[in-house]
Amino acid sequence: MNLTIPYDTPLMMEVDLSAHILVVEDEVAIQEMIALNLTQAGHEPQLASSGMQALEQIQHLLPDLILVDWMLPGMSGLELVRRLRAHQRTQRVPIIMLTARVDESDKLLGLESGADDYITKPFSIRELNARIKAVLRRRAPQMTEDLVTFKGLSLDPATHRVHANQQEITLGPTEFKLLHFFLTHPERVYSRTQILDHVWGDHVFIEERTVDVHIRRLRSALEPSGADSLLQTIRGAGYRLTAQP
């Protein structure tokens, strides 16, 4: 099965931020073409040719998004998606299913198994890119360059500028990522482990108390504007960005 762009015409895909994307596809030509264009777009593709190989790779590095072909050797893509959704570590990872099946019943089956989106072959790289962007906006908004605002705070990933109550705030790279995550996930409590996984990545092994250090730095930077009070410590649970006093 071929993609609908010439192999000698690499297409620069317009994407937002770099993401680790696992491509689970046993057809080498499709796998290589997707990987090439993801790389050109600034993403970091990982490649797997079977469901079991994908599960092994996920043990070492949790991707930001997974592209899964339905027809895989051994374990089907459908079964792989079900396994990923059944495991706590992978149940929230965005998944797009790729398949030659065009029946509506097959599409519903793929979505009901836990896939976030479903693309039928042949597809264009532009279509795939649009679906990736849409899924990331829904499931991992911190991976996009969309301007985010909350209670006097605004963060622009494209210009790397932060304002709090109309004052420009200077943040280090880690504090910037930390604030971006909280701004895209307000009013929800996250444990230190969850924050480490989302901001640093679950493949990085650092102490949970590192989160506390960067939270203090972020609060210190926000304090002159009074926005530090929005970032609350929930004793025994973690941290939350909230509009409530």
Protein backbone atom coordinates (compact mmCIF):
# COMPACT_ATOMS: atom_id res chain seq x y z
CA MET A 1 0.00 0.00 0.00
CA ASN A 2 1.51 3.32 -1.11
CA LEU A 3 0.97 6.77 0.22
CA THR A 4 -0.48 9.30 -2.18
CA ILE A 5 2.67 11.42 -2.63
CA PRO A 6 5.67 10.67 -4.85
CA TYR A 7 8.59 9.04 -3.08
CA ASP A 8 11.00 11.55 -4.61
CA THR A 9 9.06 14.53 -3.26
CA PRO A 10 9.57 14.79 0.51
CA LEU A 11 6.93 17.03 2.01
CA MET A 12 7.68 19.42 4.84
CA MET A 13 4.85 18.94 7.31
CA GLU A 14 3.60 21.98 9.20
CA VAL A 15 3.46 20.90 12.81
CA ASP A 16 3.59 22.53 16.19
CA LEU A 17 6.13 21.18 18.66
CA SER A 18 8.47 18.21 18.49
CA ALA A 19 6.86 14.98 19.67
CA HIS A 20 8.07 11.41 20.11
CA ILE A 21 5.84 9.47 17.70
CA LEU A 22 5.85 5.67 17.57
CA VAL A 23 5.03 4.34 14.09
CA VAL A 24 3.78 0.74 14.27
CA GLU A 25 3.68 -0.38 10.63
CA ASP A 26 4.98 -3.58 9.00
CA GLU A 27 5.08 -2.26 5.40
CA VAL A 28 8.60 -0.88 5.12
CA ALA A 29 7.85 1.65 2.37
CA ILE A 30 5.03 3.28 4.36
CA GLN A 31 7.01 3.13 7.59
CA GLU A 32 10.01 4.85 6.03
CA MET A 33 7.95 7.54 4.29
CA ILE A 34 6.07 8.44 7.47
CA ALA A 35 9.31 8.48 9.47
CA LEU A 36 11.04 10.69 6.89
CA ASN A 37 8.36 13.32 6.95
CA LEU A 38 7.98 13.25 10.72
CA THR A 39 11.73 13.84 10.99
CA GLN A 40 11.63 16.71 8.49
CA ALA A 41 8.88 18.25 10.60
CA GLY A 42 11.05 18.14 13.71
CA HIS A 43 9.38 15.15 15.33
CA GLU A 44 11.31 12.17 16.64
CA PRO A 45 9.86 8.99 15.12
CA GLN A 46 10.31 5.55 16.62
CA LEU A 47 9.68 2.52 14.42
CA ALA A 48 8.13 -0.86 15.20
CA SER A 49 7.05 -3.56 12.77
CA SER A 50 4.79 -5.53 15.12
CA GLY A 51 2.65 -5.12 18.18
CA MET A 52 5.09 -6.99 20.40
CA GLN A 53 7.99 -4.84 19.20
CA ALA A 54 5.93 -1.74 19.93
CA LEU A 55 5.19 -2.90 23.49
CA GLU A 56 8.89 -3.56 24.08
CA GLN A 57 9.82 -0.07 22.88
CA ILE A 58 7.13 1.56 24.98
CA GLN A 59 8.65 -0.02 28.08
CA HIS A 60 11.79 2.07 27.48
CA LEU A 61 10.23 5.27 26.14
CA LEU A 62 6.62 6.40 26.37
CA PRO A 63 5.77 8.20 23.11
CA ASP A 64 3.69 11.35 22.86
CA LEU A 65 1.56 9.77 20.13
CA ILE A 66 1.28 6.36 18.47
CA LEU A 67 0.38 5.57 14.84
CA VAL A 68 -0.87 1.97 14.60
CA ASP A 69 -1.58 -0.06 11.48
CA TRP A 70 -4.59 -2.36 11.88
CA MET A 71 -3.07 -5.31 9.98
CA LEU A 72 0.09 -6.31 11.83
CA PRO A 73 1.85 -9.69 12.02
CA GLY A 74 0.96 -11.65 15.14
CA MET A 75 -0.96 -9.22 17.34
CA SER A 76 -3.36 -7.02 15.36
CA GLY A 77 -3.30 -3.27 15.69
CA LEU A 78 -6.76 -3.50 17.22
CA GLU A 79 -5.50 -5.78 19.98
CA LEU A 80 -2.46 -3.56 20.53
CA VAL A 81 -4.70 -0.52 21.04
CA ARG A 82 -6.84 -2.48 23.53
CA ARG A 83 -3.75 -3.50 25.50
CA LEU A 84 -2.45 0.05 25.58
CA ARG A 85 -5.78 1.39 26.84
CA ALA A 86 -5.96 -1.30 29.53
CA HIS A 87 -2.60 -0.31 31.04
CA GLN A 88 -2.46 2.71 33.36
CA ARG A 89 0.86 3.94 31.96
CA THR A 90 -0.38 4.06 28.35
CA GLN A 91 -4.12 4.60 28.69
CA ARG A 92 -3.90 8.35 27.95
CA VAL A 93 -1.35 8.26 25.10
CA PRO A 94 -2.98 9.58 21.89
CA ILE A 95 -3.42 6.85 19.25
CA ILE A 96 -4.25 7.13 15.55
CA MET A 97 -5.13 3.92 13.71
CA LEU A 98 -4.06 3.44 10.08
CA THR A 99 -5.93 0.90 7.97
CA ALA A 100 -7.14 -0.08 4.52
CA ARG A 101 -10.55 -1.03 6.02
CA VAL A 102 -13.13 1.49 4.86
CA ASP A 103 -16.40 0.10 6.25
CA GLU A 104 -18.09 2.26 8.85
CA SER A 105 -18.38 -0.76 11.16
CA ASP A 106 -14.59 -1.18 11.07
CA LYS A 107 -14.09 2.50 11.85
CA LEU A 108 -16.44 2.25 14.84
CA LEU A 109 -14.64 -0.88 16.02
CA GLY A 110 -11.30 0.92 15.86
CA LEU A 111 -12.61 3.92 17.78
CA GLU A 112 -14.38 1.74 20.34
CA SER A 113 -11.13 -0.13 20.97
CA GLY A 114 -9.63 3.14 22.22
CA ALA A 115 -8.12 4.84 19.16
CA ASP A 116 -8.50 8.63 19.09
CA ASP A 117 -8.71 8.81 15.31
CA TYR A 118 -8.87 6.51 12.29
CA ILE A 119 -7.26 7.13 8.87
CA THR A 120 -7.94 4.94 5.85
CA LYS A 121 -5.25 4.08 3.30
CA PRO A 122 -4.21 5.49 0.94
CA PHE A 123 -3.77 8.81 2.71
CA SER A 124 -1.68 11.90 2.11
CA ILE A 125 1.00 13.15 4.48
CA ARG A 126 -0.92 16.43 4.74
CA GLU A 127 -3.99 14.56 5.97
CA LEU A 128 -1.91 12.59 8.47
CA ASN A 129 -0.32 15.80 9.72
CA ALA A 130 -3.70 17.44 10.20
CA ARG A 131 -4.95 14.44 12.17
CA ILE A 132 -1.82 14.41 14.34
CA LYS A 133 -2.26 18.10 15.14
CA ALA A 134 -5.95 17.64 15.95
CA VAL A 135 -5.35 14.66 18.24
CA LEU A 136 -2.49 16.39 20.07
CA ARG A 137 -4.68 19.46 20.63
CA ARG A 138 -7.34 17.25 22.23
CA ARG A 139 -5.19 14.82 24.18
CA ALA A 140 -1.84 16.58 24.66
CA PRO A 141 -2.39 20.34 24.26
CA GLN A 142 1.03 21.07 25.82
CA MET A 143 2.56 19.65 22.61
CA THR A 144 1.14 22.45 20.45
CA GLU A 145 2.07 26.08 19.84
CA ASP A 146 -1.40 27.41 20.60
CA LEU A 147 -1.53 30.52 22.78
CA VAL A 148 -2.95 29.60 26.20
CA THR A 149 -4.48 31.95 28.76
CA PHE A 150 -5.84 31.50 32.28
CA LYS A 151 -6.80 34.06 34.94
CA GLY A 152 -4.43 36.81 33.83
CA LEU A 153 -1.70 34.38 32.72
CA SER A 154 -0.81 34.00 29.05
CA LEU A 155 1.84 31.81 27.46
CA ASP A 156 2.85 31.86 23.81
CA PRO A 157 4.97 28.79 22.86
CA ALA A 158 5.79 30.30 19.44
CA THR A 159 7.51 33.38 20.90
CA HIS A 160 8.36 31.80 24.25
CA ARG A 161 6.81 34.75 26.08
CA VAL A 162 4.83 34.67 29.31
CA HIS A 163 2.70 37.46 30.77
CA ALA A 164 1.08 37.56 34.19
CA ASN A 165 -1.42 40.33 34.84
CA GLN A 166 0.08 42.24 31.88
CA GLN A 167 3.64 41.93 33.24
CA GLU A 168 6.17 40.01 31.14
CA ILE A 169 7.69 37.14 33.11
CA THR A 170 11.08 35.58 32.44
CA LEU A 171 11.17 31.82 32.95
CA GLY A 172 13.82 29.16 32.53
CA PRO A 173 13.11 26.37 30.02
CA THR A 174 11.90 23.87 32.62
CA GLU A 175 9.66 26.40 34.39
CA PHE A 176 8.27 27.40 30.99
CA LYS A 177 7.36 23.78 30.20
CA LEU A 178 5.94 23.32 33.67
CA LEU A 179 3.70 26.38 33.38
CA HIS A 180 2.65 25.36 29.87
CA PHE A 181 1.55 21.98 31.19
CA PHE A 182 -0.47 23.47 34.04
CA LEU A 183 -2.07 26.09 31.78
CA THR A 184 -3.27 23.39 29.40
CA HIS A 185 -4.53 21.22 32.28
CA PRO A 186 -6.10 23.64 34.79
CA GLU A 187 -8.17 22.70 37.85
CA ARG A 188 -6.80 19.16 38.01
CA VAL A 189 -4.45 17.84 40.68
CA TYR A 190 -1.28 16.15 39.41
CA SER A 191 1.10 14.12 41.54
CA ARG A 192 4.84 14.65 41.33
CA THR A 193 5.18 11.41 39.36
CA GLN A 194 2.55 12.51 36.84
CA ILE A 195 4.21 15.91 36.45
CA LEU A 196 7.59 14.25 35.88
CA ASP A 197 6.10 12.00 33.20
CA HIS A 198 4.33 14.84 31.38
CA VAL A 199 6.99 17.56 31.63
CA TRP A 200 10.30 15.68 31.79
CA GLY A 201 9.19 12.41 30.15
CA ASP A 202 8.86 9.03 31.81
CA HIS A 203 12.20 7.91 30.33
CA VAL A 204 14.07 10.46 32.45
CA PHE A 205 15.02 9.17 35.88
CA ILE A 206 15.19 12.02 38.38
CA GLU A 207 14.01 12.51 41.95
CA GLU A 208 10.38 13.48 42.51
CA ARG A 209 11.57 16.32 44.75
CA THR A 210 12.99 17.95 41.64
CA VAL A 211 9.40 18.94 40.86
CA ASP A 212 9.23 20.86 44.16
CA VAL A 213 12.38 22.81 43.28
CA HIS A 214 10.99 23.94 39.93
CA ILE A 215 7.58 24.71 41.42
CA ARG A 216 9.31 27.05 43.89
CA ARG A 217 11.21 28.72 41.04
CA LEU A 218 8.01 29.13 39.03
CA ARG A 219 6.17 30.63 41.99
CA SER A 220 9.07 32.98 42.65
CA ALA A 221 8.93 34.24 39.05
CA LEU A 222 5.14 34.72 39.25
CA GLU A 223 5.13 36.34 42.70
CA PRO A 224 5.70 39.98 41.62
CA SER A 225 2.51 39.80 39.53
CA GLY A 226 0.50 38.06 42.22
CA ALA A 227 -0.15 35.07 39.95
CA ASP A 228 1.81 32.67 42.20
CA SER A 229 -1.35 32.09 44.25
CA LEU A 230 -2.93 30.29 41.28
CA LEU A 231 -0.49 27.39 41.71
CA GLN A 232 -1.66 25.46 44.75
CA THR A 233 -0.05 22.66 46.75
CA ILE A 234 -2.51 19.90 47.57
CA ARG A 235 -1.09 18.16 50.64
CA GLY A 236 -0.49 14.47 50.05
CA ALA A 237 -1.64 14.69 46.43
CA GLY A 238 0.45 17.11 44.36
CA TYR A 239 -0.11 20.45 42.63
CA ARG A 240 -2.94 22.22 40.84
CA LEU A 241 -3.38 25.42 38.82
CA THR A 242 -6.72 26.83 39.90
CA ALA A 243 -8.83 29.96 39.64
CA GLN A 244 -10.25 29.27 43.09
CA PRO A 245 -8.65 31.07 46.07
